[in-house]
C-alpha atoms as a PDB file:
ATOM      1  CA  MET A   1     100.912 119.618 145.904  1.00  0.00           C
ATOM      2  CA  THR A   2     103.457 122.208 147.019  1.00  0.00           C
ATOM      3  CA  LYS A   3     106.374 120.126 145.753  1.00  0.00           C
ATOM      4  CA  SER A   4     104.661 119.648 142.330  1.00  0.00           C
ATOM      5  CA  LEU A   5     104.183 123.392 142.051  1.00  0.00           C
ATOM      6  CA  ASP A   6     107.773 123.944 143.020  1.00  0.00           C
ATOM      7  CA  ARG A   7     108.895 121.712 140.168  1.00  0.00           C
ATOM      8  CA  TRP A   8     106.490 122.702 137.409  1.00  0.00           C
ATOM      9  CA  LEU A   9     105.483 126.320 137.858  1.00  0.00           C
ATOM     10  CA  PRO A  10     108.915 127.865 137.178  1.00  0.00           C
ATOM     11  CA  SER A  11     109.336 125.695 134.142  1.00  0.00           C
ATOM     12  CA  LEU A  12     105.879 126.620 132.935  1.00  0.00           C
ATOM     13  CA  THR A  13     106.523 130.237 133.393  1.00  0.00           C
ATOM     14  CA  LEU A  14     109.794 130.149 131.499  1.00  0.00           C
ATOM     15  CA  ALA A  15     108.241 128.054 128.739  1.00  0.00           C
ATOM     16  CA  CYS A  16     105.340 130.432 128.293  1.00  0.00           C
ATOM     17  CA  TRP A  17     107.670 133.469 128.022  1.00  0.00           C
ATOM     18  CA  SER A  18     109.798 131.507 125.562  1.00  0.00           C
ATOM     19  CA  GLY A  19     106.937 130.391 123.463  1.00  0.00           C
ATOM     20  CA  ILE A  20     105.512 133.961 123.064  1.00  0.00           C
ATOM     21  CA  LEU A  21     108.866 135.438 122.052  1.00  0.00           C
ATOM     22  CA  LEU A  22     109.494 132.683 119.554  1.00  0.00           C
ATOM     23  CA  TYR A  23     105.885 132.976 118.148  1.00  0.00           C
ATOM     24  CA  PHE A  24     106.310 136.602 117.477  1.00  0.00           C
ATOM     25  CA  HIS A  25     109.682 136.008 115.812  1.00  0.00           C
ATOM     26  CA  TRP A  26     108.749 133.070 113.655  1.00  0.00           C
ATOM     27  CA  THR A  27     105.319 134.440 112.493  1.00  0.00           C
ATOM     28  CA  GLY A  28     106.758 137.808 111.519  1.00  0.00           C
ATOM     29  CA  ARG A  29     104.602 139.772 113.952  1.00  0.00           C
ATOM     30  CA  LEU A  30     107.746 141.086 115.535  1.00  0.00           C
ATOM     31  CA  ALA A  31     108.196 143.410 112.455  1.00  0.00           C
ATOM     32  CA  ALA A  32     105.479 145.636 113.791  1.00  0.00           C
ATOM     33  CA  PHE A  33     107.174 146.188 117.117  1.00  0.00           C
ATOM     34  CA  LEU A  34     110.958 146.052 116.659  1.00  0.00           C
ATOM     35  CA  HIS A  35     113.676 147.362 114.309  1.00  0.00           C
ATOM     36  CA  PRO A  36     115.362 144.518 112.261  1.00  0.00           C
ATOM     37  CA  ALA A  37     118.651 145.127 113.957  1.00  0.00           C
ATOM     38  CA  PHE A  38     117.139 144.018 117.374  1.00  0.00           C
ATOM     39  CA  ARG A  39     115.018 141.091 116.233  1.00  0.00           C
ATOM     40  CA  PRO A  40     117.847 138.412 116.473  1.00  0.00           C
ATOM     41  CA  GLY A  41     118.023 139.222 120.216  1.00  0.00           C
ATOM     42  CA  VAL A  42     114.406 138.186 120.630  1.00  0.00           C
ATOM     43  CA  LEU A  43     115.169 134.793 119.015  1.00  0.00           C
ATOM     44  CA  VAL A  44     118.186 134.302 121.304  1.00  0.00           C
ATOM     45  CA  ALA A  45     116.211 135.274 124.408  1.00  0.00           C
ATOM     46  CA  GLY A  46     113.392 132.843 123.421  1.00  0.00           C
ATOM     47  CA  MET A  47     115.772 129.953 122.951  1.00  0.00           C
ATOM     48  CA  VAL A  48     117.698 130.693 126.208  1.00  0.00           C
ATOM     49  CA  LEU A  49     114.342 130.794 128.140  1.00  0.00           C
ATOM     50  CA  LEU A  50     113.342 127.533 126.591  1.00  0.00           C
ATOM     51  CA  VAL A  51     116.653 125.908 127.647  1.00  0.00           C
ATOM     52  CA  PHE A  52     116.116 127.224 131.154  1.00  0.00           C
ATOM     53  CA  ALA A  53     112.594 125.854 131.258  1.00  0.00           C
ATOM     54  CA  ILE A  54     113.708 122.348 130.181  1.00  0.00           C
ATOM     55  CA  GLY A  55     116.562 122.508 132.674  1.00  0.00           C
ATOM     56  CA  SER A  56     114.291 123.602 135.517  1.00  0.00           C
ATOM     57  CA  ALA A  57     111.924 120.756 134.769  1.00  0.00           C
ATOM     58  CA  MET A  58     114.607 118.188 134.668  1.00  0.00           C
ATOM     59  CA  GLY A  59     116.371 119.463 137.649  1.00  0.00           C
ATOM     60  CA  GLY A  60     113.341 118.856 139.969  1.00  0.00           C
ATOM     61  CA  GLY A  61     112.313 122.439 140.658  1.00  0.00           C
ATOM     62  CA  VAL A  62     113.537 125.061 143.140  1.00  0.00           C
ATOM     63  CA  GLU A  63     115.386 124.146 146.226  1.00  0.00           C
ATOM     64  CA  GLU A  64     113.490 125.096 149.490  1.00  0.00           C
ATOM     65  CA  CYS A  65     115.352 128.020 151.021  1.00  0.00           C
ATOM     66  CA  CYS A  66     113.081 128.570 154.112  1.00  0.00           C
ATOM     67  CA  ASP A  67     113.329 126.906 157.406  1.00  0.00           C
ATOM     68  CA  GLU A  68     111.180 126.690 160.517  1.00  0.00           C
ATOM     69  CA  ASP A  69     112.726 129.816 162.094  1.00  0.00           C
ATOM     70  CA  GLY A  70     111.688 132.184 159.311  1.00  0.00           C
ATOM     71  CA  CYS A  71     111.464 132.962 155.550  1.00  0.00           C
ATOM     72  CA  VAL A  72     112.303 136.096 153.652  1.00  0.00           C
ATOM     73  CA  HIS A  73     109.467 135.431 151.133  1.00  0.00           C
ATOM     74  CA  PRO A  74     106.641 133.938 153.126  1.00  0.00           C
ATOM     75  CA  VAL A  75     103.999 134.307 150.430  1.00  0.00           C
ATOM     76  CA  THR A  76     105.626 131.635 148.208  1.00  0.00           C
ATOM     77  CA  ARG A  77     105.593 129.113 151.059  1.00  0.00           C
ATOM     78  CA  PHE A  78     101.969 128.321 150.495  1.00  0.00           C
ATOM     79  CA  THR A  79     100.108 126.930 147.447  1.00  0.00           C
ATOM     80  CA  LEU A  80      98.025 130.089 146.996  1.00  0.00           C
ATOM     81  CA  GLY A  81     101.173 132.243 147.181  1.00  0.00           C
ATOM     82  CA  LYS A  82     102.916 130.178 144.498  1.00  0.00           C
ATOM     83  CA  MET A  83      99.890 130.365 142.211  1.00  0.00           C
ATOM     84  CA  LEU A  84      99.600 134.198 142.766  1.00  0.00           C
ATOM     85  CA  THR A  85     103.309 134.560 141.901  1.00  0.00           C
ATOM     86  CA  PHE A  86     102.838 132.599 138.666  1.00  0.00           C
ATOM     87  CA  ALA A  87      99.711 134.702 137.814  1.00  0.00           C
ATOM     88  CA  VAL A  88     101.661 137.973 138.305  1.00  0.00           C
ATOM     89  CA  LEU A  89     104.443 136.797 135.895  1.00  0.00           C
ATOM     90  CA  PHE A  90     102.188 135.107 133.421  1.00  0.00           C
ATOM     91  CA  LEU A  91      98.770 136.858 133.038  1.00  0.00           C
ATOM     92  CA  PRO A  92     100.121 140.323 132.014  1.00  0.00           C
ATOM     93  CA  LEU A  93     102.149 138.763 129.242  1.00  0.00           C
ATOM     94  CA  VAL A  94      99.227 136.707 127.962  1.00  0.00           C
ATOM     95  CA  LEU A  95      96.916 139.764 128.075  1.00  0.00           C
ATOM     96  CA  ALA A  96      99.381 141.882 126.107  1.00  0.00           C
ATOM     97  CA  PHE A  97      99.899 139.010 123.647  1.00  0.00           C
ATOM     98  CA  SER A  98      96.243 138.561 123.020  1.00  0.00           C
ATOM     99  CA  THR A  99      95.157 142.179 122.725  1.00  0.00           C
ATOM    100  CA  SER A 100      98.088 143.724 120.854  1.00  0.00           C
ATOM    101  CA  HIS A 101      97.583 144.970 117.326  1.00  0.00           C
ATOM    102  CA  ASP A 102     100.175 144.837 114.581  1.00  0.00           C
ATOM    103  CA  GLY A 103      99.610 148.405 113.599  1.00  0.00           C
ATOM    104  CA  PHE A 104      98.501 151.892 114.633  1.00  0.00           C
ATOM    105  CA  GLY A 105      94.948 153.208 114.531  1.00  0.00           C
ATOM    106  CA  LEU A 106      93.806 156.773 113.686  1.00  0.00           C
ATOM    107  CA  VAL A 107      93.762 157.885 117.268  1.00  0.00           C
ATOM    108  CA  ALA A 108      97.341 156.604 117.939  1.00  0.00           C
ATOM    109  CA  ILE A 109      98.647 158.282 114.771  1.00  0.00           C
ATOM    110  CA  ALA A 110      96.952 161.632 115.524  1.00  0.00           C
ATOM    111  CA  ASN A 111      98.280 161.557 119.165  1.00  0.00           C
ATOM    112  CA  ARG A 112     101.790 160.964 117.934  1.00  0.00           C
ATOM    113  CA  GLY A 113     101.620 163.811 115.488  1.00  0.00           C
ATOM    114  CA  VAL A 114     101.980 163.474 111.757  1.00  0.00           C
ATOM    115  CA  VAL A 115     105.423 164.625 110.521  1.00  0.00           C
ATOM    116  CA  MET A 116     105.385 166.257 107.071  1.00  0.00           C
ATOM    117  CA  ASP A 117     108.786 167.843 107.157  1.00  0.00           C
ATOM    118  CA  ALA A 118     112.160 166.043 106.836  1.00  0.00           C
ATOM    119  CA  SER A 119     113.579 168.084 109.657  1.00  0.00           C
ATOM    120  CA  GLY A 120     111.150 166.296 112.002  1.00  0.00           C
ATOM    121  CA  ILE A 121     112.660 162.890 111.250  1.00  0.00           C
ATOM    122  CA  VAL A 122     115.403 161.822 113.679  1.00  0.00           C
ATOM    123  CA  ALA A 123     117.479 159.716 111.350  1.00  0.00           C
ATOM    124  CA  GLN A 124     118.967 161.808 108.670  1.00  0.00           C
ATOM    125  CA  PRO A 125     120.345 160.280 105.416  1.00  0.00           C
ATOM    126  CA  THR A 126     123.996 159.387 105.481  1.00  0.00           C
ATOM    127  CA  SER A 127     124.575 161.593 102.445  1.00  0.00           C
ATOM    128  CA  PRO A 128     122.620 164.182 100.485  1.00  0.00           C
ATOM    129  CA  HIS A 129     121.801 161.462  97.981  1.00  0.00           C
ATOM    130  CA  THR A 130     120.981 158.493 100.207  1.00  0.00           C
ATOM    131  CA  VAL A 131     117.482 157.995 101.544  1.00  0.00           C
ATOM    132  CA  SER A 132     116.294 155.438 104.168  1.00  0.00           C
ATOM    133  CA  GLN A 133     114.064 152.641 102.938  1.00  0.00           C
ATOM    134  CA  PRO A 134     112.314 149.714 104.638  1.00  0.00           C
ATOM    135  CA  ALA A 135     114.279 146.545 104.939  1.00  0.00           C
ATOM    136  CA  GLY A 136     114.083 144.398 101.907  1.00  0.00           C
ATOM    137  CA  GLN A 137     113.011 147.221  99.645  1.00  0.00           C
ATOM    138  CA  PRO A 138     115.166 149.227  97.289  1.00  0.00           C
ATOM    139  CA  GLY A 139     116.059 152.762  98.124  1.00  0.00           C
ATOM    140  CA  LEU A 140     116.362 155.760  95.863  1.00  0.00           C
ATOM    141  CA  THR A 141     120.100 156.639  96.045  1.00  0.00           C
ATOM    142  CA  THR A 142     122.593 158.606  94.077  1.00  0.00           C
ATOM    143  CA  PRO A 143     125.781 156.599  94.655  1.00  0.00           C
ATOM    144  CA  TYR A 144     129.212 157.832  93.659  1.00  0.00           C
ATOM    145  CA  VAL A 145     130.144 156.729  90.246  1.00  0.00           C
ATOM    146  CA  GLU A 146     133.806 156.474  89.263  1.00  0.00           C
ATOM    147  CA  PRO A 147     134.553 158.670  86.212  1.00  0.00           C
ATOM    148  CA  PRO A 148     135.661 156.849  83.066  1.00  0.00           C
ATOM    149  CA  LEU A 149     139.405 156.208  82.793  1.00  0.00           C
ATOM    150  CA  PRO A 150     141.251 158.374  80.213  1.00  0.00           C
ATOM    151  CA  THR A 151     141.529 156.822  76.737  1.00  0.00           C
ATOM    152  CA  ASN A 152     142.984 157.562  73.486  1.00  0.00           C
ATOM    153  CA  GLY A 153     139.786 156.771  71.666  1.00  0.00           C
ATOM    154  CA  ALA A 154     137.675 159.704  70.627  1.00  0.00           C
ATOM    155  CA  ASN A 155     134.301 158.081  71.402  1.00  0.00           C
ATOM    156  CA  SER A 156     135.118 155.326  73.942  1.00  0.00           C
ATOM    157  CA  THR A 157     134.336 157.499  77.028  1.00  0.00           C
ATOM    158  CA  THR A 158     130.733 158.332  75.884  1.00  0.00           C
ATOM    159  CA  ASP A 159     129.634 154.913  74.555  1.00  0.00           C
ATOM    160  CA  SER A 160     130.122 153.142  77.877  1.00  0.00           C
ATOM    161  CA  THR A 161     128.745 155.847  80.185  1.00  0.00           C
ATOM    162  CA  PRO A 162     125.234 154.913  81.497  1.00  0.00           C
ATOM    163  CA  ALA A 163     122.336 157.266  81.048  1.00  0.00           C
ATOM    164  CA  THR A 164     121.712 159.616  83.904  1.00  0.00           C
ATOM    165  CA  THR A 165     118.887 161.491  85.508  1.00  0.00           C
ATOM    166  CA  ASN A 166     118.864 165.201  86.045  1.00  0.00           C
ATOM    167  CA  THR A 167     121.262 164.942  88.973  1.00  0.00           C
ATOM    168  CA  GLY A 168     123.622 162.549  87.358  1.00  0.00           C
ATOM    169  CA  THR A 169     122.150 159.437  88.919  1.00  0.00           C
ATOM    170  CA  PRO A 170     122.710 156.444  86.569  1.00  0.00           C
ATOM    171  CA  ASP A 171     119.332 155.014  85.561  1.00  0.00           C
ATOM    172  CA  GLN A 172     120.497 151.582  86.462  1.00  0.00           C
ATOM    173  CA  PHE A 173     120.672 152.582  90.108  1.00  0.00           C
ATOM    174  CA  VAL A 174     117.189 154.075  90.246  1.00  0.00           C
ATOM    175  CA  PRO A 175     114.760 151.462  91.758  1.00  0.00           C
ATOM    176  CA  LYS A 176     111.896 150.714  89.414  1.00  0.00           C
ATOM    177  CA  THR A 177     108.625 148.814  89.787  1.00  0.00           C
ATOM    178  CA  LYS A 178     107.435 146.071  87.521  1.00  0.00           C
ATOM    179  CA  SER A 179     105.482 148.664  85.472  1.00  0.00           C
ATOM    180  CA  GLY A 180     108.694 150.731  84.956  1.00  0.00           C
ATOM    181  CA  ASN A 181     107.906 153.521  87.261  1.00  0.00           C
ATOM    182  CA  ILE A 182     110.280 154.808  89.996  1.00  0.00           C
ATOM    183  CA  ALA A 183     109.733 153.076  93.359  1.00  0.00           C
ATOM    184  CA  ALA A 184     109.615 155.733  96.006  1.00  0.00           C
ATOM    185  CA  SER A 185     108.424 156.039  99.566  1.00  0.00           C
ATOM    186  CA  VAL A 186     107.022 158.852 101.657  1.00  0.00           C
ATOM    187  CA  ILE A 187     110.407 159.598 103.201  1.00  0.00           C
ATOM    188  CA  ASP A 188     112.013 159.976  99.669  1.00  0.00           C
ATOM    189  CA  LEU A 189     109.517 162.740  98.871  1.00  0.00           C
ATOM    190  CA  LEU A 190     110.062 164.543 102.218  1.00  0.00           C
ATOM    191  CA  TYR A 191     113.862 164.570 101.736  1.00  0.00           C
ATOM    192  CA  ALA A 192     113.495 165.733  98.066  1.00  0.00           C
ATOM    193  CA  ALA A 193     111.434 168.673  99.292  1.00  0.00           C
ATOM    194  CA  GLN A 194     114.425 169.719 101.450  1.00  0.00           C
ATOM    195  CA  ASP A 195     117.158 168.946  98.842  1.00  0.00           C
ATOM    196  CA  ARG A 196     117.118 170.563  95.448  1.00  0.00           C
ATOM    197  CA  SER A 197     119.402 168.024  93.972  1.00  0.00           C
ATOM    198  CA  LEU A 198     117.121 165.180  95.019  1.00  0.00           C
ATOM    199  CA  ARG A 199     114.166 166.851  93.352  1.00  0.00           C
ATOM    200  CA  GLY A 200     115.613 166.220  89.934  1.00  0.00           C
ATOM    201  CA  ASP A 201     115.280 162.505  90.513  1.00  0.00           C
ATOM    202  CA  PHE A 202     111.554 162.932  90.810  1.00  0.00           C
ATOM    203  CA  GLU A 203     110.275 166.003  88.913  1.00  0.00           C
ATOM    204  CA  GLY A 204     108.610 165.181  85.721  1.00  0.00           C
ATOM    205  CA  LYS A 205     108.817 161.461  86.359  1.00  0.00           C
ATOM    206  CA  THR A 206     106.130 158.872  87.290  1.00  0.00           C
ATOM    207  CA  VAL A 207     106.563 157.262  90.667  1.00  0.00           C
ATOM    208  CA  GLU A 208     104.791 154.585  92.664  1.00  0.00           C
ATOM    209  CA  VAL A 209     104.290 154.999  96.398  1.00  0.00           C
ATOM    210  CA  VAL A 210     102.714 152.509  98.827  1.00  0.00           C
ATOM    211  CA  GLY A 211     101.306 153.774 102.083  1.00  0.00           C
ATOM    212  CA  GLN A 212      98.294 154.306 104.145  1.00  0.00           C
ATOM    213  CA  LEU A 213      95.649 156.875 103.083  1.00  0.00           C
ATOM    214  CA  MET A 214      94.678 159.359 105.737  1.00  0.00           C
ATOM    215  CA  GLY A 215      92.254 162.250 105.895  1.00  0.00           C
ATOM    216  CA  PRO A 216      90.828 164.697 106.170  1.00  0.00           C
ATOM    217  CA  LYS A 217      90.120 165.366 102.528  1.00  0.00           C
ATOM    218  CA  VAL A 218      90.780 169.028 101.720  1.00  0.00           C
ATOM    219  CA  ALA A 219      89.635 170.745  98.537  1.00  0.00           C
ATOM    220  CA  THR A 220      92.247 172.811  96.621  1.00  0.00           C
ATOM    221  CA  SER A 221      92.431 174.485  93.274  1.00  0.00           C
ATOM    222  CA  HIS A 222      94.388 171.459  92.030  1.00  0.00           C
ATOM    223  CA  GLY A 223      92.029 168.777  93.409  1.00  0.00           C
ATOM    224  CA  ALA A 224      91.191 167.084  96.699  1.00  0.00           C
ATOM    225  CA  ARG A 225      94.170 166.452  99.027  1.00  0.00           C
ATOM    226  CA  MET A 226      94.741 163.800 101.518  1.00  0.00           C
ATOM    227  CA  LYS A 227      97.897 162.200 103.093  1.00  0.00           C
ATOM    228  CA  VAL A 228      99.813 159.044 102.375  1.00  0.00           C
ATOM    229  CA  VAL A 229     101.312 157.901 105.643  1.00  0.00           C
ATOM    230  CA  ARG A 230     103.971 155.431 106.863  1.00  0.00           C
ATOM    231  CA  MET A 231     105.288 154.810 110.366  1.00  0.00           C
ATOM    232  CA  PHE A 232     109.031 155.592 110.855  1.00  0.00           C
ATOM    233  CA  MET A 233     110.697 153.481 113.493  1.00  0.00           C
ATOM    234  CA  THR A 234     114.130 154.133 115.032  1.00  0.00           C
ATOM    235  CA  CYS A 235     114.218 151.336 117.598  1.00  0.00           C
ATOM    236  CA  CYS A 236     110.802 149.974 118.522  1.00  0.00           C
ATOM    237  CA  ALA A 237     107.066 150.654 118.286  1.00  0.00           C
ATOM    238  CA  ALA A 238     107.431 152.996 121.305  1.00  0.00           C
ATOM    239  CA  ASP A 239     109.329 155.524 119.272  1.00  0.00           C
ATOM    240  CA  ALA A 240     107.503 155.068 115.973  1.00  0.00           C
ATOM    241  CA  LYS A 241     106.211 158.250 114.475  1.00  0.00           C
ATOM    242  CA  PRO A 242     103.905 158.801 111.444  1.00  0.00           C
ATOM    243  CA  ILE A 243     105.455 160.559 108.481  1.00  0.00           C
ATOM    244  CA  ALA A 244     103.315 161.770 105.538  1.00  0.00           C
ATOM    245  CA  ALA A 245     103.275 163.518 102.231  1.00  0.00           C
ATOM    246  CA  LEU A 246     100.323 165.179 100.599  1.00  0.00           C
ATOM    247  CA  VAL A 247      98.424 163.464  97.829  1.00  0.00           C
ATOM    248  CA  GLU A 248      96.306 165.238  95.211  1.00  0.00           C
ATOM    249  CA  LEU A 249      93.701 162.701  94.174  1.00  0.00           C
ATOM    250  CA  PRO A 250      92.663 162.269  90.520  1.00  0.00           C
ATOM    251  CA  GLY A 251      89.062 163.006  89.514  1.00  0.00           C
ATOM    252  CA  ALA A 252      88.110 159.335  89.604  1.00  0.00           C
ATOM    253  CA  ALA A 253      89.443 158.936  93.078  1.00  0.00           C
ATOM    254  CA  GLN A 254      87.499 161.970  94.404  1.00  0.00           C
ATOM    255  CA  SER A 255      84.272 160.103  93.966  1.00  0.00           C
ATOM    256  CA  THR A 256      85.515 156.836  95.236  1.00  0.00           C
ATOM    257  CA  GLU A 257      85.616 156.564  99.010  1.00  0.00           C
ATOM    258  CA  ILE A 258      88.598 154.583 100.235  1.00  0.00           C
ATOM    259  CA  PRO A 259      88.520 153.808 104.045  1.00  0.00           C
ATOM    260  CA  GLU A 260      91.051 155.728 106.081  1.00  0.00           C
ATOM    261  CA  LEU A 261      94.316 153.940 106.801  1.00  0.00           C
ATOM    262  CA  SER A 262      93.698 151.516 103.914  1.00  0.00           C
ATOM    263  CA  TRP A 263      96.988 150.469 102.227  1.00  0.00           C
ATOM    264  CA  VAL A 264      97.019 152.035  98.766  1.00  0.00           C
ATOM    265  CA  ARG A 265      99.407 152.051  95.735  1.00  0.00           C
ATOM    266  CA  ILE A 266      99.569 155.589  94.280  1.00  0.00           C
ATOM    267  CA  VAL A 267     100.967 156.197  90.868  1.00  0.00           C
ATOM    268  CA  GLY A 268     101.593 159.831  89.970  1.00  0.00           C
ATOM    269  CA  LYS A 269     104.100 162.636  89.494  1.00  0.00           C
ATOM    270  CA  PRO A 270     105.692 164.437  92.511  1.00  0.00           C
ATOM    271  CA  ALA A 271     105.632 168.228  92.736  1.00  0.00           C
ATOM    272  CA  PHE A 272     107.356 170.584  95.204  1.00  0.00           C
ATOM    273  CA  PRO A 273     105.419 173.768  95.459  1.00  0.00           C
ATOM    274  CA  MET A 274     106.206 176.567  97.860  1.00  0.00           C
ATOM    275  CA  GLU A 275     103.409 176.851 100.344  1.00  0.00           C
ATOM    276  CA  GLY A 276     103.366 178.622 103.697  1.00  0.00           C
ATOM    277  CA  GLY A 277     106.919 179.810 103.278  1.00  0.00           C
ATOM    278  CA  ARG A 278     108.444 176.379 102.771  1.00  0.00           C
ATOM    279  CA  THR A 279     108.766 173.742 100.006  1.00  0.00           C
ATOM    280  CA  ILE A 280     106.436 170.840 100.480  1.00  0.00           C
ATOM    281  CA  ALA A 281     106.074 167.463  98.814  1.00  0.00           C
ATOM    282  CA  VAL A 282     102.864 166.717  96.876  1.00  0.00           C
ATOM    283  CA  LEU A 283     102.180 163.595  94.973  1.00  0.00           C
ATOM    284  CA  ARG A 284      99.746 164.451  92.083  1.00  0.00           C
ATOM    285  CA  ALA A 285      98.173 161.041  91.642  1.00  0.00           C
ATOM    286  CA  ASP A 286      97.170 159.660  88.285  1.00  0.00           C
ATOM    287  CA  SER A 287      95.653 156.567  89.855  1.00  0.00           C
ATOM    288  CA  ILE A 288      95.159 155.167  93.291  1.00  0.00           C
ATOM    289  CA  GLY A 289      94.142 151.733  94.309  1.00  0.00           C
ATOM    290  CA  VAL A 290      93.859 149.518  97.479  1.00  0.00           C
ATOM    291  CA  THR A 291      96.748 147.101  97.813  1.00  0.00           C
ATOM    292  CA  GLU A 292      98.200 144.554 100.215  1.00  0.00           C
ATOM    293  CA  PRO A 293     100.519 145.913 102.986  1.00  0.00           C
ATOM    294  CA  PRO A 294     104.242 145.561 102.191  1.00  0.00           C
ATOM    295  CA  GLU A 295     106.266 142.858 103.951  1.00  0.00           C
ATOM    296  CA  GLU A 296     107.848 145.536 106.165  1.00  0.00           C
ATOM    297  CA  THR A 297     105.084 148.101 107.094  1.00  0.00           C
ATOM    298  CA  MET A 298     107.563 150.322 108.896  1.00  0.00           C
ATOM    299  CA  LEU A 299     110.258 152.619 107.505  1.00  0.00           C
ATOM    300  CA  TYR A 300     113.641 152.654 109.151  1.00  0.00           C
END
């Protein structure tokens, strides 16, 4: 019995750890816990553990390192001790695997503190016109555009110049949704509230924002306000923080109760009023509806 445990328990432990890591990677659940830059390491670790598990099983188990005179780890000399060691390594992992949720609840978000100012976000944009976006989704940027080359033609410089927004951003670089609206995120609105040049990319334009709706609902002179929230991750779920912009609900939405933290798609026009001595971002919604979560639920 003891020899069988010596051979198979180490392999089983390694295989279980490998299986859980590979499961999270291949099913996409890892996206809720880890930044994309670190996810390949999980795949590598899972494969390495699997190789070790196979090697341990084929190698016949662990060599006996104790003798009759004594043993530095007497617990593992007995069957019960070996099973206890396996349980200590295996059960916590299985418990975490079976009870973990791929998202944050209201209590967790409230305890982490909702950030509604760009100064509270650790990662700043690389330039005044570059805003972070979730992986796989377009970002609203104002890239540097080479000026047209000098030419002798009187009209040749204007005919080929793309149309621009208020800040000089070529329209072809502004991300659009299928309906033709500007695709924006919560973090875009927060940065625009802090940067006058970015506001020109939004003011007077219709945008679409996807996020989670969060209360409480507050009545104002312009309409009821709630928050649209996304989680911002720098490294992993441990450092994720909720960031939010205010949403002024349209008349139809005020009478329609959408459960808190539901994923919604909001179509409306951003505004940047001065309140409480600072400029804030408010999305004045024309419509709001429940939608499926994006492929990447986190912002990075």
